């Protein structure tokens, strides 16, 4: 699923939301709540996330869900 993304690339909000398979409002809410790794602010209206950080987030969430079962 995430194999097409290179580790050193960055994704804008819409792309990051697609990467995580969530809506863009969920992405921004998680960011505001501190659940996501912090994005990199390029300008006042442009934030990007590193693919490597998003992959790490997905991996951590998967492990956390496995331990709850």
N, C-alpha and C. Protein backbone atom coordinates (compact mmCIF):
# COMPACT_ATOMS: atom_id res chain seq x y z
N UNK A 1 0.81 -1.19 0.00
CA UNK A 1 0.00 0.00 0.00
C UNK A 1 0.86 1.27 0.00
N UNK A 2 1.84 1.34 0.89
CA UNK A 2 2.69 2.52 1.00
C UNK A 2 4.03 2.35 0.30
N UNK A 3 4.16 1.30 -0.48
CA UNK A 3 5.43 1.01 -1.12
C UNK A 3 5.79 2.01 -2.22
N UNK A 4 4.82 2.74 -2.76
CA UNK A 4 5.08 3.68 -3.84
C UNK A 4 5.71 4.98 -3.33
N UNK A 5 5.75 5.18 -2.04
CA UNK A 5 6.26 6.42 -1.45
C UNK A 5 7.70 6.22 -0.99
N UNK A 6 8.58 7.12 -1.40
CA UNK A 6 9.96 7.05 -0.95
C UNK A 6 10.10 7.74 0.40
N UNK A 7 10.97 7.21 1.23
CA UNK A 7 11.13 7.68 2.60
C UNK A 7 11.44 9.17 2.72
N UNK A 8 12.23 9.70 1.79
CA UNK A 8 12.68 11.08 1.93
C UNK A 8 11.72 12.09 1.30
N UNK A 9 10.60 11.65 0.78
CA UNK A 9 9.62 12.55 0.19
C UNK A 9 8.74 13.17 1.26
N UNK A 10 8.12 14.28 0.88
CA UNK A 10 7.15 14.92 1.76
C UNK A 10 5.81 14.97 1.06
N UNK A 11 4.75 15.02 1.86
CA UNK A 11 3.39 15.05 1.33
C UNK A 11 2.64 16.24 1.90
N UNK A 12 1.89 16.92 1.06
CA UNK A 12 1.02 17.99 1.52
C UNK A 12 -0.18 17.36 2.22
N UNK A 13 -1.01 18.17 2.84
CA UNK A 13 -2.10 17.68 3.69
C UNK A 13 -3.01 16.69 2.97
N UNK A 14 -3.45 17.02 1.79
CA UNK A 14 -4.37 16.13 1.06
C UNK A 14 -3.72 14.79 0.77
N UNK A 15 -2.46 14.82 0.34
CA UNK A 15 -1.73 13.59 0.05
C UNK A 15 -1.47 12.79 1.33
N UNK A 16 -1.15 13.48 2.42
CA UNK A 16 -0.92 12.80 3.69
C UNK A 16 -2.19 12.13 4.19
N UNK A 17 -3.32 12.81 4.03
CA UNK A 17 -4.61 12.22 4.43
C UNK A 17 -4.89 10.97 3.60
N UNK A 18 -4.64 11.03 2.30
CA UNK A 18 -4.82 9.85 1.44
C UNK A 18 -3.88 8.73 1.87
N UNK A 19 -2.65 9.07 2.19
CA UNK A 19 -1.66 8.10 2.65
C UNK A 19 -2.16 7.35 3.88
N UNK A 20 -2.78 8.10 4.81
CA UNK A 20 -3.29 7.52 6.05
C UNK A 20 -4.70 6.95 5.91
N UNK A 21 -5.29 7.18 4.73
CA UNK A 21 -6.65 6.71 4.46
C UNK A 21 -7.66 7.34 5.42
N UNK A 22 -7.50 8.62 5.66
CA UNK A 22 -8.43 9.39 6.49
C UNK A 22 -8.81 10.66 5.74
N UNK A 23 -9.82 11.33 6.23
CA UNK A 23 -10.21 12.61 5.64
C UNK A 23 -9.23 13.70 6.04
N UNK A 24 -9.23 14.76 5.27
CA UNK A 24 -8.31 15.85 5.54
C UNK A 24 -8.61 16.53 6.87
N UNK A 25 -9.89 16.59 7.25
CA UNK A 25 -10.23 17.20 8.54
C UNK A 25 -9.71 16.34 9.70
N UNK A 26 -9.71 15.03 9.52
CA UNK A 26 -9.15 14.13 10.54
C UNK A 26 -7.65 14.34 10.65
N UNK A 27 -6.98 14.48 9.52
CA UNK A 27 -5.54 14.74 9.53
C UNK A 27 -5.24 16.00 10.34
N UNK A 28 -5.96 17.09 10.06
CA UNK A 28 -5.70 18.34 10.78
C UNK A 28 -6.07 18.24 12.25
N UNK A 29 -7.14 17.51 12.57
CA UNK A 29 -7.52 17.31 13.98
C UNK A 29 -6.44 16.53 14.72
N UNK A 30 -5.97 15.43 14.13
CA UNK A 30 -4.91 14.64 14.75
C UNK A 30 -3.65 15.47 14.93
N UNK A 31 -3.35 16.31 13.95
CA UNK A 31 -2.17 17.18 14.03
C UNK A 31 -2.33 18.16 15.20
N UNK A 32 -3.50 18.76 15.30
CA UNK A 32 -3.77 19.72 16.38
C UNK A 32 -3.71 19.05 17.75
N UNK A 33 -4.20 17.80 17.83
CA UNK A 33 -4.19 17.06 19.09
C UNK A 33 -2.81 16.51 19.45
N UNK A 34 -1.87 16.55 18.51
CA UNK A 34 -0.54 16.03 18.76
C UNK A 34 -0.42 14.53 18.53
N UNK A 35 -1.43 13.92 17.93
CA UNK A 35 -1.38 12.48 17.65
C UNK A 35 -0.43 12.16 16.50
N UNK A 36 -0.36 13.04 15.53
CA UNK A 36 0.53 12.86 14.37
C UNK A 36 1.89 13.48 14.65
N UNK A 37 2.92 12.99 13.98
CA UNK A 37 4.20 13.70 14.04
C UNK A 37 3.99 15.12 13.50
N UNK A 38 4.71 16.07 14.01
CA UNK A 38 4.50 17.44 13.55
C UNK A 38 4.85 17.60 12.07
N UNK A 39 4.05 18.37 11.40
CA UNK A 39 4.33 18.68 10.00
C UNK A 39 5.42 19.75 9.92
N UNK A 40 5.92 19.95 8.73
CA UNK A 40 6.93 20.97 8.49
C UNK A 40 6.23 22.13 7.81
N UNK A 41 6.25 23.25 8.44
CA UNK A 41 5.59 24.42 7.90
C UNK A 41 6.51 25.13 6.91
N UNK A 42 6.12 25.12 5.65
CA UNK A 42 6.91 25.78 4.62
C UNK A 42 6.53 27.24 4.47
N UNK A 43 5.28 27.53 4.73
CA UNK A 43 4.78 28.90 4.71
C UNK A 43 3.52 28.95 5.57
N UNK A 44 2.91 30.11 5.63
CA UNK A 44 1.73 30.26 6.49
C UNK A 44 0.61 29.30 6.09
N UNK A 45 0.51 28.97 4.81
CA UNK A 45 -0.58 28.13 4.33
C UNK A 45 -0.11 26.80 3.72
N UNK A 46 1.12 26.40 3.99
CA UNK A 46 1.63 25.16 3.41
C UNK A 46 2.40 24.36 4.46
N UNK A 47 1.85 23.19 4.80
CA UNK A 47 2.49 22.27 5.72
C UNK A 47 2.68 20.94 5.00
N UNK A 48 3.82 20.30 5.22
CA UNK A 48 4.09 18.99 4.62
C UNK A 48 4.51 18.02 5.73
N UNK A 49 4.33 16.74 5.46
CA UNK A 49 4.76 15.69 6.38
C UNK A 49 5.73 14.78 5.67
N UNK A 50 6.75 14.33 6.40
CA UNK A 50 7.70 13.37 5.83
C UNK A 50 7.03 12.00 5.74
N UNK A 51 7.24 11.33 4.62
CA UNK A 51 6.70 9.99 4.43
C UNK A 51 7.23 9.07 5.52
N UNK A 52 8.49 9.19 5.87
CA UNK A 52 9.07 8.33 6.90
C UNK A 52 8.36 8.52 8.25
N UNK A 53 7.99 9.75 8.58
CA UNK A 53 7.27 10.00 9.83
C UNK A 53 5.87 9.39 9.80
N UNK A 54 5.20 9.49 8.66
CA UNK A 54 3.86 8.92 8.53
C UNK A 54 3.90 7.39 8.59
N UNK A 55 4.91 6.79 7.96
CA UNK A 55 5.04 5.32 8.02
C UNK A 55 5.29 4.87 9.46
N UNK A 56 6.11 5.62 10.18
CA UNK A 56 6.38 5.30 11.58
C UNK A 56 5.11 5.42 12.41
N UNK A 57 4.31 6.44 12.16
CA UNK A 57 3.04 6.63 12.85
C UNK A 57 2.11 5.44 12.61
N UNK A 58 1.98 5.01 11.36
CA UNK A 58 1.12 3.87 11.03
C UNK A 58 1.62 2.61 11.72
N UNK A 59 2.91 2.39 11.70
CA UNK A 59 3.49 1.21 12.35
C UNK A 59 3.23 1.22 13.85
N UNK A 60 3.42 2.38 14.49
CA UNK A 60 3.18 2.50 15.93
C UNK A 60 1.72 2.23 16.25
N UNK A 61 0.81 2.78 15.47
CA UNK A 61 -0.62 2.58 15.70
C UNK A 61 -0.99 1.10 15.55
N UNK A 62 -0.41 0.43 14.57
CA UNK A 62 -0.69 -0.99 14.35
C UNK A 62 -0.21 -1.81 15.54
N UNK A 63 0.98 -1.51 16.05
CA UNK A 63 1.51 -2.22 17.21
C UNK A 63 0.67 -1.96 18.45
N UNK A 64 0.23 -0.73 18.64
CA UNK A 64 -0.58 -0.39 19.79
C UNK A 64 -1.92 -1.13 19.74
N UNK A 65 -2.48 -1.27 18.56
CA UNK A 65 -3.76 -1.99 18.41
C UNK A 65 -3.58 -3.48 18.66
N UNK A 66 -2.43 -4.04 18.28
CA UNK A 66 -2.18 -5.46 18.50
C UNK A 66 -2.06 -5.77 20.00
N UNK A 67 -1.47 -4.88 20.76
CA UNK A 67 -1.29 -5.13 22.19
C UNK A 67 -2.61 -5.02 22.95
N UNK A 68 -3.57 -4.29 22.39
CA UNK A 68 -4.88 -4.17 23.04
C UNK A 68 -5.72 -5.42 22.86
N UNK A 69 -5.40 -6.21 21.83
CA UNK A 69 -6.23 -7.40 21.54
C UNK A 69 -5.89 -8.53 22.44
